[in-house]
Amino acid sequence: MGHLMEHGHGYYIDLPGEPTVYIAGDTLLTDMVRQCLIQRQPRVAILPAGGAQFDLGGEIIMNTKDMVDACGLTQGAVFANHLEALNHCPTSRAELAAASTAAGLTGRMYIPEDGAELEFHL
């Protein structure tokens, strides 16, 4: 099923005097997403991390390994979204947090709770 879907690549926002932001749509860690992270080095990247999949076929958004790999492509802060949102998103916050800690990404990968408001001074 995932092969039939077009993967969203997102938006790269660059405003004068503000940190650059990359907001990915529902996507896998595709070559285009990798290229954006490597070449543009956003200060903030917001990536889908739930490992969503349908009953048939592979994943349609990034999973835990993809998020750790994505963090290795950029020096900026990476925020995980689309976690535990629906029953087709099996990646848990606890699993992602454990992988982030094991990979030494504490302070670079953020895993907010639903409805959380975060304030950063970058």
C-alpha atoms as a PDB file:
ATOM      1  CA  MET A   1       0.000   0.000   0.000  1.00  0.00           C
ATOM      2  CA  GLY A   2       2.810   2.409   0.864  1.00  0.00           C
ATOM      3  CA  HIS A   3       4.219   2.116  -2.659  1.00  0.00           C
ATOM      4  CA  LEU A   4       0.930   3.475  -4.006  1.00  0.00           C
ATOM      5  CA  MET A   5       1.027   6.535  -1.775  1.00  0.00           C
ATOM      6  CA  GLU A   6       2.862   9.748  -2.593  1.00  0.00           C
ATOM      7  CA  HIS A   7       5.095  10.686   0.321  1.00  0.00           C
ATOM      8  CA  GLY A   8       4.936  14.262   1.517  1.00  0.00           C
ATOM      9  CA  HIS A   9       8.235  16.040   1.723  1.00  0.00           C
ATOM     10  CA  GLY A  10       7.195  19.017   3.792  1.00  0.00           C
ATOM     11  CA  TYR A  11       8.226  22.636   4.048  1.00  0.00           C
ATOM     12  CA  TYR A  12      11.523  24.345   4.761  1.00  0.00           C
ATOM     13  CA  ILE A  13      10.972  27.758   6.345  1.00  0.00           C
ATOM     14  CA  ASP A  14      13.742  30.347   6.356  1.00  0.00           C
ATOM     15  CA  LEU A  15      12.783  33.779   7.714  1.00  0.00           C
ATOM     16  CA  PRO A  16      15.277  36.574   8.448  1.00  0.00           C
ATOM     17  CA  GLY A  17      16.365  36.588  12.087  1.00  0.00           C
ATOM     18  CA  GLU A  18      14.555  33.331  12.911  1.00  0.00           C
ATOM     19  CA  PRO A  19      15.771  29.730  13.240  1.00  0.00           C
ATOM     20  CA  THR A  20      15.207  27.663  10.106  1.00  0.00           C
ATOM     21  CA  VAL A  21      12.471  25.030  10.374  1.00  0.00           C
ATOM     22  CA  TYR A  22      11.755  21.902   8.347  1.00  0.00           C
ATOM     23  CA  ILE A  23       8.264  20.443   8.788  1.00  0.00           C
ATOM     24  CA  ALA A  24       7.948  17.070   7.074  1.00  0.00           C
ATOM     25  CA  GLY A  25       4.626  15.744   5.931  1.00  0.00           C
ATOM     26  CA  ASP A  26       3.698  12.120   6.468  1.00  0.00           C
ATOM     27  CA  THR A  27       6.714  10.490   4.890  1.00  0.00           C
ATOM     28  CA  LEU A  28       9.387   7.888   5.202  1.00  0.00           C
ATOM     29  CA  LEU A  29      13.051   8.848   5.473  1.00  0.00           C
ATOM     30  CA  THR A  30      13.301   9.184   1.695  1.00  0.00           C
ATOM     31  CA  ASP A  31      16.288  10.397  -0.284  1.00  0.00           C
ATOM     32  CA  MET A  32      14.611  13.806  -0.640  1.00  0.00           C
ATOM     33  CA  VAL A  33      14.077  14.101   3.126  1.00  0.00           C
ATOM     34  CA  ARG A  34      17.675  13.026   3.758  1.00  0.00           C
ATOM     35  CA  GLN A  35      18.891  15.609   1.230  1.00  0.00           C
ATOM     36  CA  CYS A  36      16.928  18.389   2.922  1.00  0.00           C
ATOM     37  CA  LEU A  37      18.345  17.533   6.354  1.00  0.00           C
ATOM     38  CA  ILE A  38      21.911  17.241   5.082  1.00  0.00           C
ATOM     39  CA  GLN A  39      22.029  20.207   2.718  1.00  0.00           C
ATOM     40  CA  ARG A  40      19.836  22.714   4.531  1.00  0.00           C
ATOM     41  CA  GLN A  41      20.729  21.798   8.143  1.00  0.00           C
ATOM     42  CA  PRO A  42      17.523  23.188   9.698  1.00  0.00           C
ATOM     43  CA  ARG A  43      17.807  24.405  13.291  1.00  0.00           C
ATOM     44  CA  VAL A  44      14.497  22.629  13.952  1.00  0.00           C
ATOM     45  CA  ALA A  45      13.079  19.573  12.144  1.00  0.00           C
ATOM     46  CA  ILE A  46       9.607  18.236  12.863  1.00  0.00           C
ATOM     47  CA  LEU A  47       9.283  14.654  11.635  1.00  0.00           C
ATOM     48  CA  PRO A  48       6.556  11.980  11.744  1.00  0.00           C
ATOM     49  CA  ALA A  49       7.761   9.133  13.946  1.00  0.00           C
ATOM     50  CA  GLY A  50       4.844   6.769  14.562  1.00  0.00           C
ATOM     51  CA  GLY A  51       5.894   3.963  12.224  1.00  0.00           C
ATOM     52  CA  ALA A  52       2.365   4.014  10.771  1.00  0.00           C
ATOM     53  CA  GLN A  53       1.358   1.189   8.507  1.00  0.00           C
ATOM     54  CA  PHE A  54      -1.763  -0.383   7.152  1.00  0.00           C
ATOM     55  CA  ASP A  55      -2.725  -4.017   7.696  1.00  0.00           C
ATOM     56  CA  LEU A  56      -1.099  -4.809   4.376  1.00  0.00           C
ATOM     57  CA  GLY A  57       2.346  -3.621   3.286  1.00  0.00           C
ATOM     58  CA  GLY A  58       5.187  -1.727   4.908  1.00  0.00           C
ATOM     59  CA  GLU A  59       5.433   1.439   6.908  1.00  0.00           C
ATOM     60  CA  ILE A  60       4.175   4.719   5.503  1.00  0.00           C
ATOM     61  CA  ILE A  61       5.891   7.075   7.979  1.00  0.00           C
ATOM     62  CA  MET A  62       9.210   6.992   9.835  1.00  0.00           C
ATOM     63  CA  ASN A  63       9.864   4.611  12.714  1.00  0.00           C
ATOM     64  CA  THR A  64      12.313   4.649  15.628  1.00  0.00           C
ATOM     65  CA  LYS A  65      15.357   3.698  13.532  1.00  0.00           C
ATOM     66  CA  ASP A  66      14.497   6.328  10.913  1.00  0.00           C
ATOM     67  CA  MET A  67      14.279   9.020  13.590  1.00  0.00           C
ATOM     68  CA  VAL A  68      17.675   8.106  15.016  1.00  0.00           C
ATOM     69  CA  ASP A  69      19.105   8.067  11.478  1.00  0.00           C
ATOM     70  CA  ALA A  70      17.499  11.465  10.723  1.00  0.00           C
ATOM     71  CA  CYS A  71      19.139  12.963  13.823  1.00  0.00           C
ATOM     72  CA  GLY A  72      22.476  11.824  12.470  1.00  0.00           C
ATOM     73  CA  LEU A  73      21.924  13.885   9.314  1.00  0.00           C
ATOM     74  CA  THR A  74      21.404  17.264  10.970  1.00  0.00           C
ATOM     75  CA  GLN A  75      22.893  19.163  13.895  1.00  0.00           C
ATOM     76  CA  GLY A  76      19.570  20.814  14.724  1.00  0.00           C
ATOM     77  CA  ALA A  77      16.830  19.860  17.153  1.00  0.00           C
ATOM     78  CA  VAL A  78      14.487  17.103  15.949  1.00  0.00           C
ATOM     79  CA  PHE A  79      10.903  16.897  17.183  1.00  0.00           C
ATOM     80  CA  ALA A  80       8.896  13.705  16.835  1.00  0.00           C
ATOM     81  CA  ASN A  81       5.214  13.919  16.003  1.00  0.00           C
ATOM     82  CA  HIS A  82       2.477  11.528  14.921  1.00  0.00           C
ATOM     83  CA  LEU A  83       3.193   9.190  17.856  1.00  0.00           C
ATOM     84  CA  GLU A  84       0.586   6.989  19.511  1.00  0.00           C
ATOM     85  CA  ALA A  85      -1.950   8.977  17.496  1.00  0.00           C
ATOM     86  CA  LEU A  86      -3.945   6.091  16.090  1.00  0.00           C
ATOM     87  CA  ASN A  87      -3.914   2.337  16.336  1.00  0.00           C
ATOM     88  CA  HIS A  88      -1.820   2.156  13.144  1.00  0.00           C
ATOM     89  CA  CYS A  89       1.100   4.046  14.757  1.00  0.00           C
ATOM     90  CA  PRO A  90       2.840   1.397  16.871  1.00  0.00           C
ATOM     91  CA  THR A  91       5.956   3.415  17.796  1.00  0.00           C
ATOM     92  CA  SER A  92       5.618   4.519  21.416  1.00  0.00           C
ATOM     93  CA  ARG A  93       7.126   7.556  23.074  1.00  0.00           C
ATOM     94  CA  ALA A  94       8.899   5.262  25.553  1.00  0.00           C
ATOM     95  CA  GLU A  95      10.478   3.214  22.740  1.00  0.00           C
ATOM     96  CA  LEU A  96      11.622   6.332  20.904  1.00  0.00           C
ATOM     97  CA  ALA A  97      12.969   7.917  24.110  1.00  0.00           C
ATOM     98  CA  ALA A  98      14.969   4.765  24.915  1.00  0.00           C
ATOM     99  CA  ALA A  99      16.457   4.692  21.397  1.00  0.00           C
ATOM    100  CA  SER A 100      17.248   8.413  21.601  1.00  0.00           C
ATOM    101  CA  THR A 101      19.066   7.951  24.910  1.00  0.00           C
ATOM    102  CA  ALA A 102      20.953   4.884  23.643  1.00  0.00           C
ATOM    103  CA  ALA A 103      22.083   6.847  20.571  1.00  0.00           C
ATOM    104  CA  GLY A 104      23.270   9.784  22.680  1.00  0.00           C
ATOM    105  CA  LEU A 105      20.622  12.140  21.313  1.00  0.00           C
ATOM    106  CA  THR A 106      19.361  13.501  24.620  1.00  0.00           C
ATOM    107  CA  GLY A 107      18.895  17.241  24.207  1.00  0.00           C
ATOM    108  CA  ARG A 108      18.570  16.945  20.407  1.00  0.00           C
ATOM    109  CA  MET A 109      15.524  14.704  19.935  1.00  0.00           C
ATOM    110  CA  TYR A 110      12.336  15.936  21.564  1.00  0.00           C
ATOM    111  CA  ILE A 111       9.316  13.721  22.071  1.00  0.00           C
ATOM    112  CA  PRO A 112       6.454  15.907  23.303  1.00  0.00           C
ATOM    113  CA  GLU A 113       3.283  14.577  24.861  1.00  0.00           C
ATOM    114  CA  ASP A 114       0.007  15.218  23.042  1.00  0.00           C
ATOM    115  CA  GLY A 115      -1.073  18.819  23.624  1.00  0.00           C
ATOM    116  CA  ALA A 116       2.258  19.838  25.147  1.00  0.00           C
ATOM    117  CA  GLU A 117       3.436  23.390  24.597  1.00  0.00           C
ATOM    118  CA  LEU A 118       7.194  23.762  24.316  1.00  0.00           C
ATOM    119  CA  GLU A 119       9.174  26.984  24.313  1.00  0.00           C
ATOM    120  CA  PHE A 120      12.756  27.178  23.097  1.00  0.00           C
ATOM    121  CA  HIS A 121      15.257  29.926  22.647  1.00  0.00           C
ATOM    122  CA  LEU A 122      17.470  28.858  19.751  1.00  0.00           C
END
